[in-house]
Amino acid sequence: ADSSWTARVARWNANVAPIAATVLGDAAIALHRRRPESTIGDFICDAMRADAGVDIALQNPGGMRADLDAGPITRGDIYAVMPFDSTIVTLELTGALVKRALEQSLHNQRITQVSGIRYTIDERKPDFQKITTLTLADGTPVDDAKTYKVAANNFMASGGDNYDALAQGRNRTDTGRMIRDAMEAW
């Protein structure tokens, strides 16, 4: 280790420590990243959906990098969960494209984290036929032809992680709002 760099990093960490230690809220239970549905994924997606005022929010599981223990949640904890400078992108997708995006994730052995919708899968079914039900949160079936306002992170919205269906969205707007900021507000 280079002693000058070690000292520099120690100084930076000391400067950031009070900000990272700021308590933002309290978790009654531990939030995890386990499959299939993760409580961290629910938290992130609920925060994005509320912040962007959309029907549906989507988060790729690879973007979630830490769990949260029960108890106080600090700004540093939020940063550990979401270390990327990902912004919220809103776009319009038909119900068919929402389903296609979810199926694309399943095809790559990932389960998209969501808010505003519920879906069930049968992993024994062939690729792109694994979703057996897809409804809005109130139980209303998602209409393939209807357009929904969706929020996703900027990586996914541009087709990252093989979410090609999201790249087909209309009226795309990068809000410039960091997902971490939405999580802190939530």
Protein backbone atom coordinates (compact mmCIF):
# COMPACT_ATOMS: atom_id res chain seq x y z
CA ALA A 1 0.00 0.00 0.00
CA ASP A 2 1.19 3.48 -0.87
CA SER A 3 1.27 5.49 2.38
CA SER A 4 0.30 8.78 0.69
CA TRP A 5 -2.76 7.18 -0.92
CA THR A 6 -3.68 5.40 2.30
CA ALA A 7 -3.58 8.75 4.12
CA ARG A 8 -5.65 10.40 1.39
CA VAL A 9 -8.32 7.68 1.55
CA ALA A 10 -8.39 7.91 5.36
CA ARG A 11 -8.91 11.69 5.11
CA TRP A 12 -11.72 11.27 2.55
CA ASN A 13 -13.41 8.64 4.72
CA ALA A 14 -13.16 10.90 7.76
CA ASN A 15 -14.79 13.75 5.82
CA VAL A 16 -17.61 11.53 4.55
CA ALA A 17 -18.25 9.68 7.83
CA PRO A 18 -20.63 12.26 9.39
CA ILE A 19 -22.72 12.40 6.21
CA ALA A 20 -22.82 8.61 5.88
CA ALA A 21 -23.84 8.25 9.54
CA THR A 22 -26.94 10.45 9.12
CA VAL A 23 -29.95 8.37 10.19
CA LEU A 24 -32.81 8.62 7.69
CA GLY A 25 -35.28 6.11 9.06
CA ASP A 26 -35.75 2.80 10.78
CA ALA A 27 -36.36 -0.69 9.37
CA ALA A 28 -38.68 -2.81 11.49
CA ILE A 29 -37.32 -5.92 9.75
CA ALA A 30 -34.15 -6.76 7.84
CA LEU A 31 -34.42 -6.11 4.11
CA HIS A 32 -32.75 -8.69 1.85
CA ARG A 33 -31.82 -9.35 -1.79
CA ARG A 34 -32.83 -13.03 -1.87
CA ARG A 35 -34.76 -14.51 -4.80
CA PRO A 36 -37.40 -14.49 -6.01
CA GLU A 37 -38.93 -11.32 -4.57
CA SER A 38 -36.58 -9.32 -2.39
CA THR A 39 -37.63 -6.87 0.27
CA ILE A 40 -34.79 -4.54 -0.85
CA GLY A 41 -36.22 -4.71 -4.39
CA ASP A 42 -39.68 -3.86 -3.04
CA PHE A 43 -38.23 -0.88 -1.14
CA ILE A 44 -36.33 0.46 -4.17
CA CYS A 45 -39.26 0.02 -6.57
CA ASP A 46 -41.83 1.49 -4.18
CA ALA A 47 -39.56 4.52 -3.67
CA MET A 48 -39.06 4.99 -7.43
CA ARG A 49 -42.77 4.60 -8.22
CA ALA A 50 -43.80 7.12 -5.56
CA ASP A 51 -41.07 9.57 -6.52
CA ALA A 52 -41.81 9.45 -10.26
CA GLY A 53 -45.60 9.20 -9.90
CA VAL A 54 -45.87 6.24 -12.29
CA ASP A 55 -48.00 3.10 -12.56
CA ILE A 56 -45.13 0.60 -12.46
CA ALA A 57 -41.49 0.59 -11.31
CA LEU A 58 -38.85 -1.96 -12.30
CA GLN A 59 -35.39 -2.70 -10.87
CA ASN A 60 -32.83 -5.22 -12.09
CA PRO A 61 -31.59 -7.46 -9.28
CA GLY A 62 -27.93 -6.91 -10.17
CA GLY A 63 -28.22 -3.22 -9.29
CA MET A 64 -28.96 -3.98 -5.63
CA ARG A 65 -25.64 -4.44 -3.85
CA ALA A 66 -26.33 -4.83 -0.10
CA ASP A 67 -28.91 -5.91 2.43
CA LEU A 68 -30.21 -3.71 5.24
CA ASP A 69 -30.30 -4.89 8.83
CA ALA A 70 -33.29 -4.16 11.03
CA GLY A 71 -32.88 -0.91 12.92
CA PRO A 72 -31.63 2.54 11.96
CA ILE A 73 -31.07 3.18 8.23
CA THR A 74 -28.27 5.62 7.48
CA ARG A 75 -27.36 7.52 4.34
CA GLY A 76 -24.31 5.23 4.10
CA ASP A 77 -26.58 2.17 4.20
CA ILE A 78 -28.61 3.53 1.26
CA TYR A 79 -25.39 4.16 -0.66
CA ALA A 80 -24.26 0.56 0.04
CA VAL A 81 -27.54 -0.79 -1.36
CA MET A 82 -27.44 1.48 -4.42
CA PRO A 83 -23.79 2.50 -5.06
CA PHE A 84 -24.35 3.44 -8.69
CA ASP A 85 -25.34 6.94 -9.76
CA SER A 86 -28.44 5.52 -11.40
CA THR A 87 -31.21 7.93 -12.29
CA ILE A 88 -34.93 7.30 -12.64
CA VAL A 89 -36.14 7.18 -16.22
CA THR A 90 -39.86 7.30 -16.99
CA LEU A 91 -41.26 5.83 -20.17
CA GLU A 92 -44.49 4.54 -21.62
CA LEU A 93 -44.84 0.83 -22.35
CA THR A 94 -47.73 -1.28 -23.49
CA GLY A 95 -48.70 -4.12 -21.22
CA ALA A 96 -47.21 -6.51 -23.81
CA LEU A 97 -43.83 -4.75 -23.54
CA VAL A 98 -43.97 -4.80 -19.73
CA LYS A 99 -44.51 -8.56 -19.90
CA ARG A 100 -41.77 -8.92 -22.51
CA ALA A 101 -39.28 -7.08 -20.26
CA LEU A 102 -40.12 -9.40 -17.36
CA GLU A 103 -39.73 -12.45 -19.64
CA GLN A 104 -36.38 -11.14 -20.93
CA SER A 105 -35.14 -11.04 -17.36
CA LEU A 106 -36.35 -14.58 -16.68
CA HIS A 107 -34.65 -15.77 -19.87
CA ASN A 108 -31.38 -14.56 -18.32
CA GLN A 109 -32.08 -16.26 -14.95
CA ARG A 110 -32.99 -12.99 -13.21
CA ILE A 111 -36.21 -11.91 -11.56
CA THR A 112 -37.12 -8.26 -12.05
CA GLN A 113 -38.09 -6.48 -8.86
CA VAL A 114 -41.34 -4.53 -9.23
CA SER A 115 -43.84 -2.11 -7.73
CA GLY A 116 -47.37 -1.53 -9.01
CA ILE A 117 -47.68 -4.99 -10.55
CA ARG A 118 -47.67 -8.60 -9.42
CA TYR A 119 -46.63 -11.57 -11.44
CA THR A 120 -46.26 -15.29 -11.01
CA ILE A 121 -43.94 -17.53 -12.94
CA ASP A 122 -43.60 -21.18 -13.77
CA GLU A 123 -39.91 -21.86 -14.31
CA ARG A 124 -40.74 -25.21 -15.96
CA LYS A 125 -42.36 -23.44 -18.91
CA PRO A 126 -40.37 -22.54 -22.03
CA ASP A 127 -38.52 -19.25 -22.32
CA PHE A 128 -40.76 -16.23 -22.95
CA GLN A 129 -43.78 -18.20 -21.66
CA LYS A 130 -42.88 -18.41 -17.98
CA ILE A 131 -45.21 -15.66 -16.71
CA THR A 132 -48.53 -17.24 -15.80
CA THR A 133 -50.24 -14.16 -14.34
CA LEU A 134 -49.52 -10.44 -14.60
CA THR A 135 -51.78 -8.00 -12.78
CA LEU A 136 -51.73 -4.50 -11.43
CA ALA A 137 -51.33 -4.29 -7.65
CA ASP A 138 -55.13 -4.22 -7.24
CA GLY A 139 -55.51 -7.53 -9.11
CA THR A 140 -56.68 -6.05 -12.43
CA PRO A 141 -55.04 -7.95 -15.31
CA VAL A 142 -52.40 -5.99 -17.21
CA ASP A 143 -53.85 -5.23 -20.65
CA ASP A 144 -51.39 -6.03 -23.46
CA ALA A 145 -52.70 -3.12 -25.56
CA LYS A 146 -52.94 -0.50 -22.81
CA THR A 147 -50.10 1.97 -22.22
CA TYR A 148 -48.63 2.23 -18.72
CA LYS A 149 -46.26 4.82 -17.28
CA VAL A 150 -43.17 2.98 -16.06
CA ALA A 151 -40.06 3.97 -14.10
CA ALA A 152 -36.76 2.11 -14.35
CA ASN A 153 -33.14 2.95 -13.77
CA ASN A 154 -31.29 4.56 -16.67
CA PHE A 155 -29.22 1.41 -17.29
CA MET A 156 -32.30 -0.80 -17.74
CA ALA A 157 -34.25 1.84 -19.67
CA SER A 158 -31.54 1.92 -22.34
CA GLY A 159 -31.74 -1.87 -22.79
CA GLY A 160 -29.00 -2.80 -20.31
CA ASP A 161 -29.09 -6.31 -18.80
CA ASN A 162 -30.90 -7.46 -21.96
CA TYR A 163 -34.05 -5.42 -21.25
CA ASP A 164 -34.53 -4.74 -24.97
CA ALA A 165 -38.27 -4.21 -24.44
CA LEU A 166 -37.58 -1.18 -22.24
CA ALA A 167 -35.50 0.42 -24.99
CA GLN A 168 -38.71 0.42 -27.08
CA GLY A 169 -40.54 2.66 -24.60
CA ARG A 170 -42.07 5.92 -25.81
CA ASN A 171 -41.90 9.37 -24.25
CA ARG A 172 -38.69 8.49 -22.41
CA THR A 173 -37.59 11.07 -19.83
CA ASP A 174 -34.50 10.83 -17.67
CA THR A 175 -35.67 12.67 -14.58
CA GLY A 176 -32.11 13.29 -13.42
CA ARG A 177 -33.27 12.12 -9.99
CA MET A 178 -30.93 9.62 -8.36
CA ILE A 179 -32.58 6.44 -7.16
CA ARG A 180 -30.70 6.89 -3.87
CA ASP A 181 -32.46 10.25 -3.40
CA ALA A 182 -35.85 8.60 -3.95
CA MET A 183 -34.93 5.90 -1.46
CA GLU A 184 -33.86 8.50 1.11
CA ALA A 185 -37.14 10.39 0.66
CA TRP A 186 -39.19 7.19 0.91
